[in-house]
Amino acid sequence: MRKVLYLMGILSDADVQWLASYGVKSVVPAGAFLVRRGVAIDHLYILLDGRLSIELANGVEAATLMTGEVVGEISFVDSRPPLASVRAQLPSVVLGIDKTHLKLKLESDGGFGSRFYKAIALFLADRLRSTTGRLGYGGPADEEETEDDLDELDSDFMQLISMANVRFEFLMRSME
């Protein structure tokens, strides 16, 4: 699931306009690092186009991120350096939102803050459920779940997907 669907589905049109106004579009060349493990980052990123890989300390690729993914959300929430590196597999375009500007917006606009943190909480919960399901963690009741159940979306979230797509397309057009 692309994290931006949570973000764009929950944020308002005005919130997305703010991201477009304060975000900075940049190109990450193939092979270049966007984020290095253990090095503090000062932006939250949205992958507008391209493909990134998440690399663990031992150099193993843990995941591939496609258009629409969010990068740096955990470091944004806990203010600690990233646990993994992020490298561009292809030339990639990202929207970087400066953490200082974002924190000021969160402090001054409670509605934005509520929506923003709800989106982060939802996609982190989705990631945790998916990871937990893949690892087979849990009791006998969990064994009854199928792979399809682990990927099933909440019906309330399904209603947000259409609006999320419209808002993401707006964000991408705003960055042209």
N, C-alpha and C. Protein backbone atom coordinates (compact mmCIF):
# COMPACT_ATOMS: atom_id res chain seq x y z
N MET A 1 0.84 -1.18 0.00
CA MET A 1 0.00 0.00 0.00
C MET A 1 0.89 1.24 0.00
N ARG A 2 0.62 2.13 -0.86
CA ARG A 2 1.38 3.36 -0.92
C ARG A 2 0.92 4.29 0.19
N LYS A 3 1.88 4.72 0.99
CA LYS A 3 1.58 5.53 2.17
C LYS A 3 0.90 6.85 1.82
N VAL A 4 1.20 7.36 0.65
CA VAL A 4 0.63 8.66 0.30
C VAL A 4 -0.90 8.59 0.21
N LEU A 5 -1.46 7.40 -0.03
CA LEU A 5 -2.92 7.28 -0.05
C LEU A 5 -3.50 7.64 1.31
N TYR A 6 -2.84 7.20 2.38
CA TYR A 6 -3.30 7.58 3.71
C TYR A 6 -3.18 9.08 3.89
N LEU A 7 -2.02 9.61 3.54
CA LEU A 7 -1.77 11.04 3.74
C LEU A 7 -2.74 11.89 2.93
N MET A 8 -2.83 11.62 1.63
CA MET A 8 -3.68 12.44 0.76
C MET A 8 -5.16 12.21 1.00
N GLY A 9 -5.52 11.01 1.46
CA GLY A 9 -6.92 10.73 1.74
C GLY A 9 -7.43 11.41 2.99
N ILE A 10 -6.54 11.66 3.94
CA ILE A 10 -6.95 12.24 5.21
C ILE A 10 -6.74 13.76 5.23
N LEU A 11 -5.69 14.25 4.58
CA LEU A 11 -5.46 15.69 4.55
C LEU A 11 -6.55 16.37 3.72
N SER A 12 -6.78 17.63 3.99
CA SER A 12 -7.75 18.41 3.22
C SER A 12 -7.08 18.97 1.96
N ASP A 13 -7.88 19.52 1.08
CA ASP A 13 -7.33 20.16 -0.13
C ASP A 13 -6.37 21.28 0.26
N ALA A 14 -6.73 22.07 1.27
CA ALA A 14 -5.86 23.17 1.72
C ALA A 14 -4.54 22.64 2.29
N ASP A 15 -4.60 21.51 2.97
CA ASP A 15 -3.38 20.89 3.52
C ASP A 15 -2.44 20.48 2.38
N VAL A 16 -3.00 19.87 1.35
CA VAL A 16 -2.19 19.44 0.21
C VAL A 16 -1.61 20.65 -0.51
N GLN A 17 -2.40 21.71 -0.61
CA GLN A 17 -1.90 22.95 -1.21
C GLN A 17 -0.72 23.48 -0.40
N TRP A 18 -0.79 23.39 0.92
CA TRP A 18 0.32 23.83 1.77
C TRP A 18 1.57 23.00 1.47
N LEU A 19 1.41 21.68 1.37
CA LEU A 19 2.56 20.81 1.04
C LEU A 19 3.18 21.22 -0.30
N ALA A 20 2.32 21.50 -1.27
CA ALA A 20 2.82 21.90 -2.59
C ALA A 20 3.55 23.23 -2.52
N SER A 21 3.07 24.14 -1.69
CA SER A 21 3.69 25.46 -1.58
C SER A 21 5.01 25.43 -0.84
N TYR A 22 5.11 24.60 0.19
CA TYR A 22 6.32 24.59 1.02
C TYR A 22 7.28 23.46 0.68
N GLY A 23 6.84 22.50 -0.11
CA GLY A 23 7.72 21.42 -0.50
C GLY A 23 8.66 21.84 -1.62
N VAL A 24 9.81 21.19 -1.66
CA VAL A 24 10.80 21.46 -2.69
C VAL A 24 11.03 20.19 -3.50
N LYS A 25 10.84 20.31 -4.78
CA LYS A 25 11.02 19.17 -5.68
C LYS A 25 12.50 19.03 -6.01
N SER A 26 13.00 17.79 -5.97
CA SER A 26 14.39 17.55 -6.36
C SER A 26 14.51 16.18 -7.01
N VAL A 27 15.56 16.04 -7.79
CA VAL A 27 15.84 14.78 -8.49
C VAL A 27 16.99 14.07 -7.77
N VAL A 28 16.79 12.79 -7.51
CA VAL A 28 17.82 11.96 -6.91
C VAL A 28 18.34 11.04 -8.01
N PRO A 29 19.60 11.20 -8.42
CA PRO A 29 20.14 10.37 -9.51
C PRO A 29 20.17 8.89 -9.12
N ALA A 30 20.08 8.03 -10.10
CA ALA A 30 20.16 6.59 -9.87
C ALA A 30 21.46 6.28 -9.12
N GLY A 31 21.35 5.48 -8.08
CA GLY A 31 22.51 5.08 -7.28
C GLY A 31 22.82 6.02 -6.13
N ALA A 32 22.25 7.21 -6.13
CA ALA A 32 22.53 8.19 -5.07
C ALA A 32 21.66 7.91 -3.85
N PHE A 33 22.17 8.27 -2.69
CA PHE A 33 21.43 8.12 -1.46
C PHE A 33 20.55 9.35 -1.21
N LEU A 34 19.31 9.10 -0.86
CA LEU A 34 18.41 10.15 -0.38
C LEU A 34 18.57 10.28 1.13
N VAL A 35 18.71 9.14 1.80
CA VAL A 35 18.84 9.04 3.25
C VAL A 35 19.95 8.05 3.55
N ARG A 36 20.77 8.39 4.53
CA ARG A 36 21.82 7.46 4.98
C ARG A 36 21.52 7.03 6.42
N ARG A 37 21.65 5.73 6.64
CA ARG A 37 21.42 5.15 7.96
C ARG A 37 22.28 5.87 8.99
N GLY A 38 21.66 6.26 10.12
CA GLY A 38 22.38 6.87 11.22
C GLY A 38 22.66 8.36 11.07
N VAL A 39 22.31 8.94 9.92
CA VAL A 39 22.55 10.37 9.69
C VAL A 39 21.20 11.09 9.74
N ALA A 40 21.11 12.04 10.66
CA ALA A 40 19.84 12.78 10.83
C ALA A 40 19.40 13.41 9.51
N ILE A 41 18.10 13.42 9.31
CA ILE A 41 17.54 14.04 8.10
C ILE A 41 16.71 15.25 8.50
N ASP A 42 16.64 16.22 7.60
CA ASP A 42 15.89 17.43 7.92
C ASP A 42 14.67 17.63 7.03
N HIS A 43 14.28 16.56 6.32
CA HIS A 43 13.10 16.63 5.46
C HIS A 43 12.28 15.35 5.60
N LEU A 44 11.02 15.48 5.33
CA LEU A 44 10.11 14.36 5.10
C LEU A 44 9.93 14.34 3.59
N TYR A 45 9.98 13.17 2.97
CA TYR A 45 9.94 13.10 1.51
C TYR A 45 8.72 12.33 1.03
N ILE A 46 8.21 12.77 -0.11
CA ILE A 46 7.17 12.04 -0.84
C ILE A 46 7.78 11.71 -2.20
N LEU A 47 7.79 10.44 -2.56
CA LEU A 47 8.33 10.02 -3.84
C LEU A 47 7.30 10.30 -4.93
N LEU A 48 7.59 11.28 -5.77
CA LEU A 48 6.67 11.67 -6.84
C LEU A 48 6.82 10.80 -8.08
N ASP A 49 8.04 10.33 -8.32
CA ASP A 49 8.29 9.50 -9.49
C ASP A 49 9.61 8.76 -9.29
N GLY A 50 9.67 7.53 -9.75
CA GLY A 50 10.90 6.76 -9.66
C GLY A 50 10.77 5.55 -8.76
N ARG A 51 11.93 5.08 -8.30
CA ARG A 51 11.94 3.89 -7.43
C ARG A 51 13.14 4.00 -6.49
N LEU A 52 12.89 3.76 -5.22
CA LEU A 52 13.92 3.82 -4.19
C LEU A 52 14.03 2.46 -3.52
N SER A 53 15.21 2.17 -2.97
CA SER A 53 15.35 0.93 -2.21
C SER A 53 15.74 1.27 -0.77
N ILE A 54 15.18 0.50 0.15
CA ILE A 54 15.51 0.61 1.56
C ILE A 54 16.61 -0.41 1.82
N GLU A 55 17.76 0.06 2.30
CA GLU A 55 18.91 -0.83 2.53
C GLU A 55 19.24 -0.86 4.02
N LEU A 56 19.37 -2.08 4.54
CA LEU A 56 19.71 -2.26 5.95
C LEU A 56 21.21 -2.06 6.15
N ALA A 57 21.64 -2.09 7.41
CA ALA A 57 23.05 -1.84 7.75
C ALA A 57 24.00 -2.80 7.03
N ASN A 58 23.56 -4.03 6.81
CA ASN A 58 24.41 -5.02 6.15
C ASN A 58 24.35 -4.92 4.62
N GLY A 59 23.67 -3.90 4.11
CA GLY A 59 23.59 -3.69 2.67
C GLY A 59 22.46 -4.45 1.98
N VAL A 60 21.73 -5.26 2.73
CA VAL A 60 20.63 -6.03 2.16
C VAL A 60 19.46 -5.10 1.87
N GLU A 61 18.86 -5.27 0.69
CA GLU A 61 17.68 -4.48 0.33
C GLU A 61 16.47 -5.06 1.04
N ALA A 62 15.85 -4.25 1.89
CA ALA A 62 14.70 -4.69 2.68
C ALA A 62 13.38 -4.46 1.97
N ALA A 63 13.33 -3.41 1.13
CA ALA A 63 12.08 -3.07 0.46
C ALA A 63 12.37 -2.15 -0.72
N THR A 64 11.41 -2.12 -1.64
CA THR A 64 11.45 -1.19 -2.76
C THR A 64 10.28 -0.24 -2.61
N LEU A 65 10.55 1.05 -2.77
CA LEU A 65 9.50 2.06 -2.68
C LEU A 65 9.19 2.57 -4.07
N MET A 66 7.92 2.69 -4.35
CA MET A 66 7.46 3.16 -5.65
C MET A 66 6.81 4.53 -5.49
N THR A 67 6.43 5.12 -6.61
CA THR A 67 5.77 6.42 -6.61
C THR A 67 4.66 6.44 -5.58
N GLY A 68 4.64 7.51 -4.80
CA GLY A 68 3.60 7.68 -3.79
C GLY A 68 4.02 7.30 -2.39
N GLU A 69 5.21 6.76 -2.22
CA GLU A 69 5.65 6.40 -0.87
C GLU A 69 6.16 7.62 -0.13
N VAL A 70 6.11 7.54 1.19
CA VAL A 70 6.61 8.58 2.07
C VAL A 70 7.89 8.05 2.71
N VAL A 71 8.91 8.91 2.80
CA VAL A 71 10.21 8.53 3.36
C VAL A 71 10.56 9.48 4.50
N GLY A 72 11.01 8.92 5.61
CA GLY A 72 11.46 9.73 6.72
C GLY A 72 10.43 9.98 7.80
N GLU A 73 9.30 9.29 7.71
CA GLU A 73 8.22 9.55 8.67
C GLU A 73 8.57 9.09 10.09
N ILE A 74 9.30 8.00 10.21
CA ILE A 74 9.65 7.53 11.56
C ILE A 74 10.62 8.51 12.21
N SER A 75 11.62 8.95 11.47
CA SER A 75 12.57 9.93 12.01
C SER A 75 11.88 11.26 12.31
N PHE A 76 10.86 11.58 11.54
CA PHE A 76 10.11 12.81 11.83
C PHE A 76 9.39 12.67 13.17
N VAL A 77 8.77 11.53 13.38
CA VAL A 77 7.98 11.33 14.60
C VAL A 77 8.87 11.24 15.84
N ASP A 78 9.97 10.48 15.76
CA ASP A 78 10.77 10.27 16.97
C ASP A 78 12.06 11.09 17.02
N SER A 79 12.34 11.89 15.99
CA SER A 79 13.51 12.78 15.94
C SER A 79 14.85 12.04 16.08
N ARG A 80 14.87 10.77 15.71
CA ARG A 80 16.11 10.00 15.76
C ARG A 80 16.58 9.74 14.34
N PRO A 81 17.88 9.48 14.16
CA PRO A 81 18.38 9.20 12.81
C PRO A 81 17.74 7.93 12.24
N PRO A 82 17.66 7.84 10.92
CA PRO A 82 17.06 6.68 10.27
C PRO A 82 17.80 5.37 10.58
N LEU A 83 17.05 4.28 10.60
CA LEU A 83 17.61 2.95 10.85
C LEU A 83 18.09 2.28 9.57
N ALA A 84 17.74 2.85 8.43
CA ALA A 84 18.11 2.27 7.15
C ALA A 84 18.47 3.39 6.18
N SER A 85 19.17 3.02 5.13
CA SER A 85 19.50 3.97 4.07
C SER A 85 18.46 3.85 2.96
N VAL A 86 18.30 4.92 2.21
CA VAL A 86 17.38 4.93 1.08
C VAL A 86 18.18 5.40 -0.13
N ARG A 87 18.21 4.54 -1.17
CA ARG A 87 18.99 4.82 -2.36
C ARG A 87 18.07 4.76 -3.59
N ALA A 88 18.31 5.64 -4.54
CA ALA A 88 17.53 5.66 -5.78
C ALA A 88 17.97 4.50 -6.67
N GLN A 89 17.01 3.68 -7.07
CA GLN A 89 17.28 2.61 -8.03
C GLN A 89 17.25 3.17 -9.45
N LEU A 90 16.40 4.15 -9.65
CA LEU A 90 16.25 4.85 -10.93
C LEU A 90 16.33 6.34 -10.62
N PRO A 91 16.56 7.18 -11.62
CA PRO A 91 16.43 8.62 -11.34
C PRO A 91 15.03 8.84 -10.75
N SER A 92 14.99 9.51 -9.60
CA SER A 92 13.73 9.63 -8.87
C SER A 92 13.47 11.09 -8.50
N VAL A 93 12.20 11.45 -8.50
CA VAL A 93 11.79 12.81 -8.15
C VAL A 93 11.08 12.75 -6.80
N VAL A 94 11.55 13.58 -5.87
CA VAL A 94 10.95 13.62 -4.54
C VAL A 94 10.51 15.03 -4.21
N LEU A 95 9.50 15.11 -3.38
CA LEU A 95 9.07 16.37 -2.79
C LEU A 95 9.57 16.35 -1.36
N GLY A 96 10.47 17.28 -1.02
CA GLY A 96 11.01 17.36 0.33
C GLY A 96 10.30 18.45 1.10
N ILE A 97 9.79 18.09 2.27
CA ILE A 97 9.14 19.07 3.13
C ILE A 97 10.06 19.27 4.33
N ASP A 98 10.59 20.48 4.46
CA ASP A 98 11.51 20.81 5.54
C ASP A 98 10.83 20.56 6.89
N LYS A 99 11.52 19.81 7.77
CA LYS A 99 10.94 19.45 9.06
C LYS A 99 10.63 20.68 9.93
N THR A 100 11.44 21.72 9.82
CA THR A 100 11.20 22.92 10.62
C THR A 100 9.90 23.59 10.19
N HIS A 101 9.69 23.73 8.87
CA HIS A 101 8.44 24.31 8.37
C HIS A 101 7.24 23.44 8.76
N LEU A 102 7.43 22.13 8.63
CA LEU A 102 6.34 21.20 8.94
C LEU A 102 5.98 21.27 10.43
N LYS A 103 6.98 21.32 11.29
CA LYS A 103 6.70 21.40 12.73
C LYS A 103 5.98 22.71 13.08
N LEU A 104 6.39 23.81 12.45
CA LEU A 104 5.69 25.08 12.69
C LEU A 104 4.23 25.00 12.25
N LYS A 105 4.00 24.38 11.10
CA LYS A 105 2.63 24.22 10.61
C LYS A 105 1.81 23.35 11.57
N LEU A 106 2.41 22.27 12.05
CA LEU A 106 1.71 21.39 12.98
C LEU A 106 1.36 22.10 14.28
N GLU A 107 2.26 22.97 14.76
CA GLU A 107 2.02 23.70 16.00
C GLU A 107 0.98 24.80 15.83
N SER A 108 0.93 25.41 14.65
CA SER A 108 0.03 26.55 14.45
C SER A 108 -1.34 26.18 13.90
N ASP A 109 -1.49 24.97 13.38
CA ASP A 109 -2.74 24.56 12.75
C ASP A 109 -3.14 23.19 13.31
N GLY A 110 -3.96 23.22 14.36
CA GLY A 110 -4.36 21.98 15.03
C GLY A 110 -5.09 21.00 14.13
N GLY A 111 -5.91 21.50 13.21
CA GLY A 111 -6.62 20.62 12.29
C GLY A 111 -5.66 19.88 11.38
N PHE A 112 -4.70 20.62 10.83
CA PHE A 112 -3.67 20.00 9.99
C PHE A 112 -2.91 18.96 10.79
N GLY A 113 -2.51 19.33 12.01
CA GLY A 113 -1.76 18.41 12.85
C GLY A 113 -2.51 17.13 13.14
N SER A 114 -3.79 17.27 13.43
CA SER A 114 -4.62 16.10 13.71
C SER A 114 -4.70 15.18 12.50
N ARG A 115 -4.95 15.76 11.34
CA ARG A 115 -5.04 14.96 10.12
C ARG A 115 -3.69 14.34 9.75
N PHE A 116 -2.64 15.12 9.85
CA PHE A 116 -1.30 14.64 9.50
C PHE A 116 -0.89 13.45 10.37
N TYR A 117 -1.03 13.60 11.69
CA TYR A 117 -0.62 12.52 12.59
C TYR A 117 -1.55 11.31 12.49
N LYS A 118 -2.81 11.53 12.18
CA LYS A 118 -3.71 10.39 11.97
C LYS A 118 -3.24 9.58 10.76
N ALA A 119 -2.86 10.27 9.69
CA ALA A 119 -2.38 9.58 8.48
C ALA A 119 -1.11 8.78 8.79
N ILE A 120 -0.18 9.40 9.50
CA ILE A 120 1.06 8.69 9.85
C ILE A 120 0.74 7.48 10.72
N ALA A 121 -0.13 7.65 11.71
CA ALA A 121 -0.49 6.53 12.58
C ALA A 121 -1.12 5.39 11.78
N LEU A 122 -1.98 5.72 10.83
CA LEU A 122 -2.63 4.68 10.03
C LEU A 122 -1.65 3.92 9.16
N PHE A 123 -0.72 4.64 8.48
CA PHE A 123 0.17 3.85 7.63
C PHE A 123 1.24 3.13 8.42
N LEU A 124 1.62 3.62 9.59
CA LEU A 124 2.53 2.85 10.43
C LEU A 124 1.83 1.61 11.00
N ALA A 125 0.55 1.75 11.36
CA ALA A 125 -0.22 0.60 11.83
C ALA A 125 -0.37 -0.44 10.72
N ASP A 126 -0.62 0.03 9.50
CA ASP A 126 -0.74 -0.88 8.36
C ASP A 126 0.57 -1.64 8.15
N ARG A 127 1.69 -0.93 8.23
CA ARG A 127 2.99 -1.56 8.06
C ARG A 127 3.23 -2.59 9.16
N LEU A 128 2.91 -2.24 10.40
CA LEU A 128 3.10 -3.16 11.51
C LEU A 128 2.24 -4.41 11.37
N ARG A 129 0.99 -4.23 10.97
CA ARG A 129 0.11 -5.40 10.75
C ARG A 129 0.67 -6.31 9.66
N SER A 130 1.11 -5.71 8.58
CA SER A 130 1.65 -6.48 7.47
C SER A 130 2.92 -7.23 7.89
N THR A 131 3.81 -6.55 8.57
CA THR A 131 5.05 -7.18 9.03
C THR A 131 4.76 -8.28 10.03
N THR A 132 3.89 -8.00 10.97
CA THR A 132 3.52 -8.99 11.97
C THR A 132 2.90 -10.22 11.31
N GLY A 133 2.04 -10.00 10.32
CA GLY A 133 1.41 -11.11 9.60
C GLY A 133 2.43 -11.95 8.84
N ARG A 134 3.40 -11.29 8.20
CA ARG A 134 4.43 -12.02 7.45
C ARG A 134 5.32 -12.83 8.37
N LEU A 135 5.56 -12.32 9.58
CA LEU A 135 6.43 -13.02 10.52
C LEU A 135 5.70 -14.15 11.25
N GLY A 136 4.37 -14.21 11.09
CA GLY A 136 3.60 -15.26 11.73
C GLY A 136 3.46 -15.06 13.23
N TYR A 137 3.55 -13.82 13.68
CA TYR A 137 3.46 -13.51 15.10
C TYR A 137 2.02 -13.57 15.55
N GLY A 138 1.79 -14.16 16.69
CA GLY A 138 0.45 -14.19 17.25
C GLY A 138 0.04 -15.59 17.63
N GLY A 139 -1.18 -15.69 18.11
CA GLY A 139 -1.69 -16.96 18.60
C GLY A 139 -2.46 -17.73 17.55
N PRO A 140 -3.11 -18.80 17.95
CA PRO A 140 -3.86 -19.66 17.03
C PRO A 140 -4.93 -18.93 16.23
N ALA A 141 -5.55 -17.91 16.81
CA ALA A 141 -6.59 -17.18 16.07
C ALA A 141 -6.01 -16.52 14.83
N ASP A 142 -4.74 -16.11 14.91
CA ASP A 142 -4.10 -15.46 13.77
C ASP A 142 -3.88 -16.42 12.61
N GLU A 143 -3.76 -17.71 12.90
CA GLU A 143 -3.51 -18.69 11.86
C GLU A 143 -4.69 -18.84 10.91
N GLU A 144 -5.87 -18.40 11.35
CA GLU A 144 -7.06 -18.49 10.51
C GLU A 144 -7.07 -17.43 9.44
N GLU A 145 -6.29 -16.37 9.60
CA GLU A 145 -6.25 -15.30 8.61
C GLU A 145 -5.49 -15.78 7.37
N THR A 146 -6.02 -15.40 6.23
CA THR A 146 -5.35 -15.73 4.98
C THR A 146 -4.50 -14.56 4.54
N GLU A 147 -3.67 -14.76 3.53
CA GLU A 147 -2.86 -13.68 2.98
C GLU A 147 -3.75 -12.55 2.49
N ASP A 148 -4.91 -12.87 1.93
CA ASP A 148 -5.84 -11.84 1.46
C ASP A 148 -6.35 -11.00 2.63
N ASP A 149 -6.60 -11.62 3.79
CA ASP A 149 -7.07 -10.88 4.96
C ASP A 149 -6.03 -9.86 5.42
N LEU A 150 -4.76 -10.21 5.32
CA LEU A 150 -3.70 -9.31 5.77
C LEU A 150 -3.61 -8.07 4.89
N ASP A 151 -4.01 -8.19 3.63
CA ASP A 151 -3.93 -7.08 2.69
C ASP A 151 -5.26 -6.32 2.56
N GLU A 152 -6.31 -6.78 3.21
CA GLU A 152 -7.63 -6.17 3.06
C GLU A 152 -7.66 -4.78 3.66
N LEU A 153 -8.31 -3.86 2.95
CA LEU A 153 -8.42 -2.48 3.40
C LEU A 153 -9.73 -2.26 4.14
N ASP A 154 -9.68 -1.41 5.13
CA ASP A 154 -10.86 -1.01 5.88
C ASP A 154 -11.84 -0.31 4.93
N SER A 155 -13.13 -0.54 5.09
CA SER A 155 -14.12 0.05 4.18
C SER A 155 -14.13 1.57 4.25
N ASP A 156 -13.89 2.14 5.44
CA ASP A 156 -13.82 3.60 5.55
C ASP A 156 -12.65 4.15 4.73
N PHE A 157 -11.54 3.43 4.75
CA PHE A 157 -10.38 3.87 4.00
C PHE A 157 -10.64 3.80 2.49
N MET A 158 -11.38 2.81 2.07
CA MET A 158 -11.70 2.66 0.63
C MET A 158 -12.38 3.91 0.10
N GLN A 159 -13.20 4.57 0.92
CA GLN A 159 -13.88 5.78 0.49
C GLN A 159 -12.92 6.94 0.27
N LEU A 160 -11.78 6.90 0.93
CA LEU A 160 -10.80 7.98 0.82
C LEU A 160 -9.87 7.83 -0.39
N ILE A 161 -9.79 6.63 -0.95
CA ILE A 161 -8.81 6.38 -2.00
C ILE A 161 -9.03 7.26 -3.22
N SER A 162 -10.25 7.43 -3.65
CA SER A 162 -10.53 8.24 -4.83
C SER A 162 -10.06 9.68 -4.61
N MET A 163 -10.39 10.26 -3.46
CA MET A 163 -9.96 11.63 -3.17
C MET A 163 -8.45 11.69 -3.02
N ALA A 164 -7.86 10.66 -2.44
CA ALA A 164 -6.41 10.63 -2.27
C ALA A 164 -5.71 10.69 -3.62
N ASN A 165 -6.22 9.95 -4.58
CA ASN A 165 -5.63 9.95 -5.91
C ASN A 165 -5.72 11.32 -6.56
N VAL A 166 -6.87 11.97 -6.43
CA VAL A 166 -7.05 13.31 -6.98
C VAL A 166 -6.07 14.28 -6.35
N ARG A 167 -5.91 14.21 -5.04
CA ARG A 167 -5.01 15.12 -4.33
C ARG A 167 -3.54 14.85 -4.69
N PHE A 168 -3.18 13.58 -4.84
CA PHE A 168 -1.80 13.26 -5.22
C PHE A 168 -1.51 13.77 -6.63
N GLU A 169 -2.45 13.59 -7.53
CA GLU A 169 -2.28 14.12 -8.90
C GLU A 169 -2.13 15.64 -8.86
N PHE A 170 -2.91 16.32 -8.03
CA PHE A 170 -2.79 17.77 -7.87
C PHE A 170 -1.39 18.14 -7.39
N LEU A 171 -0.91 17.41 -6.39
CA LEU A 171 0.41 17.67 -5.83
C LEU A 171 1.49 17.49 -6.91
N MET A 172 1.39 16.44 -7.68
CA MET A 172 2.37 16.20 -8.74
C MET A 172 2.31 17.30 -9.80
N ARG A 173 1.12 17.72 -10.20
CA ARG A 173 0.99 18.80 -11.18
C ARG A 173 1.52 20.12 -10.64
N SER A 174 1.33 20.34 -9.35
CA SER A 174 1.82 21.57 -8.72
C SER A 174 3.34 21.66 -8.74
N MET A 175 4.00 20.52 -8.81
CA MET A 175 5.46 20.49 -8.76
C MET A 175 6.10 20.58 -10.14
N GLU A 176 5.29 20.62 -11.20
CA GLU A 176 5.84 20.67 -12.56
C GLU A 176 6.41 22.03 -12.87
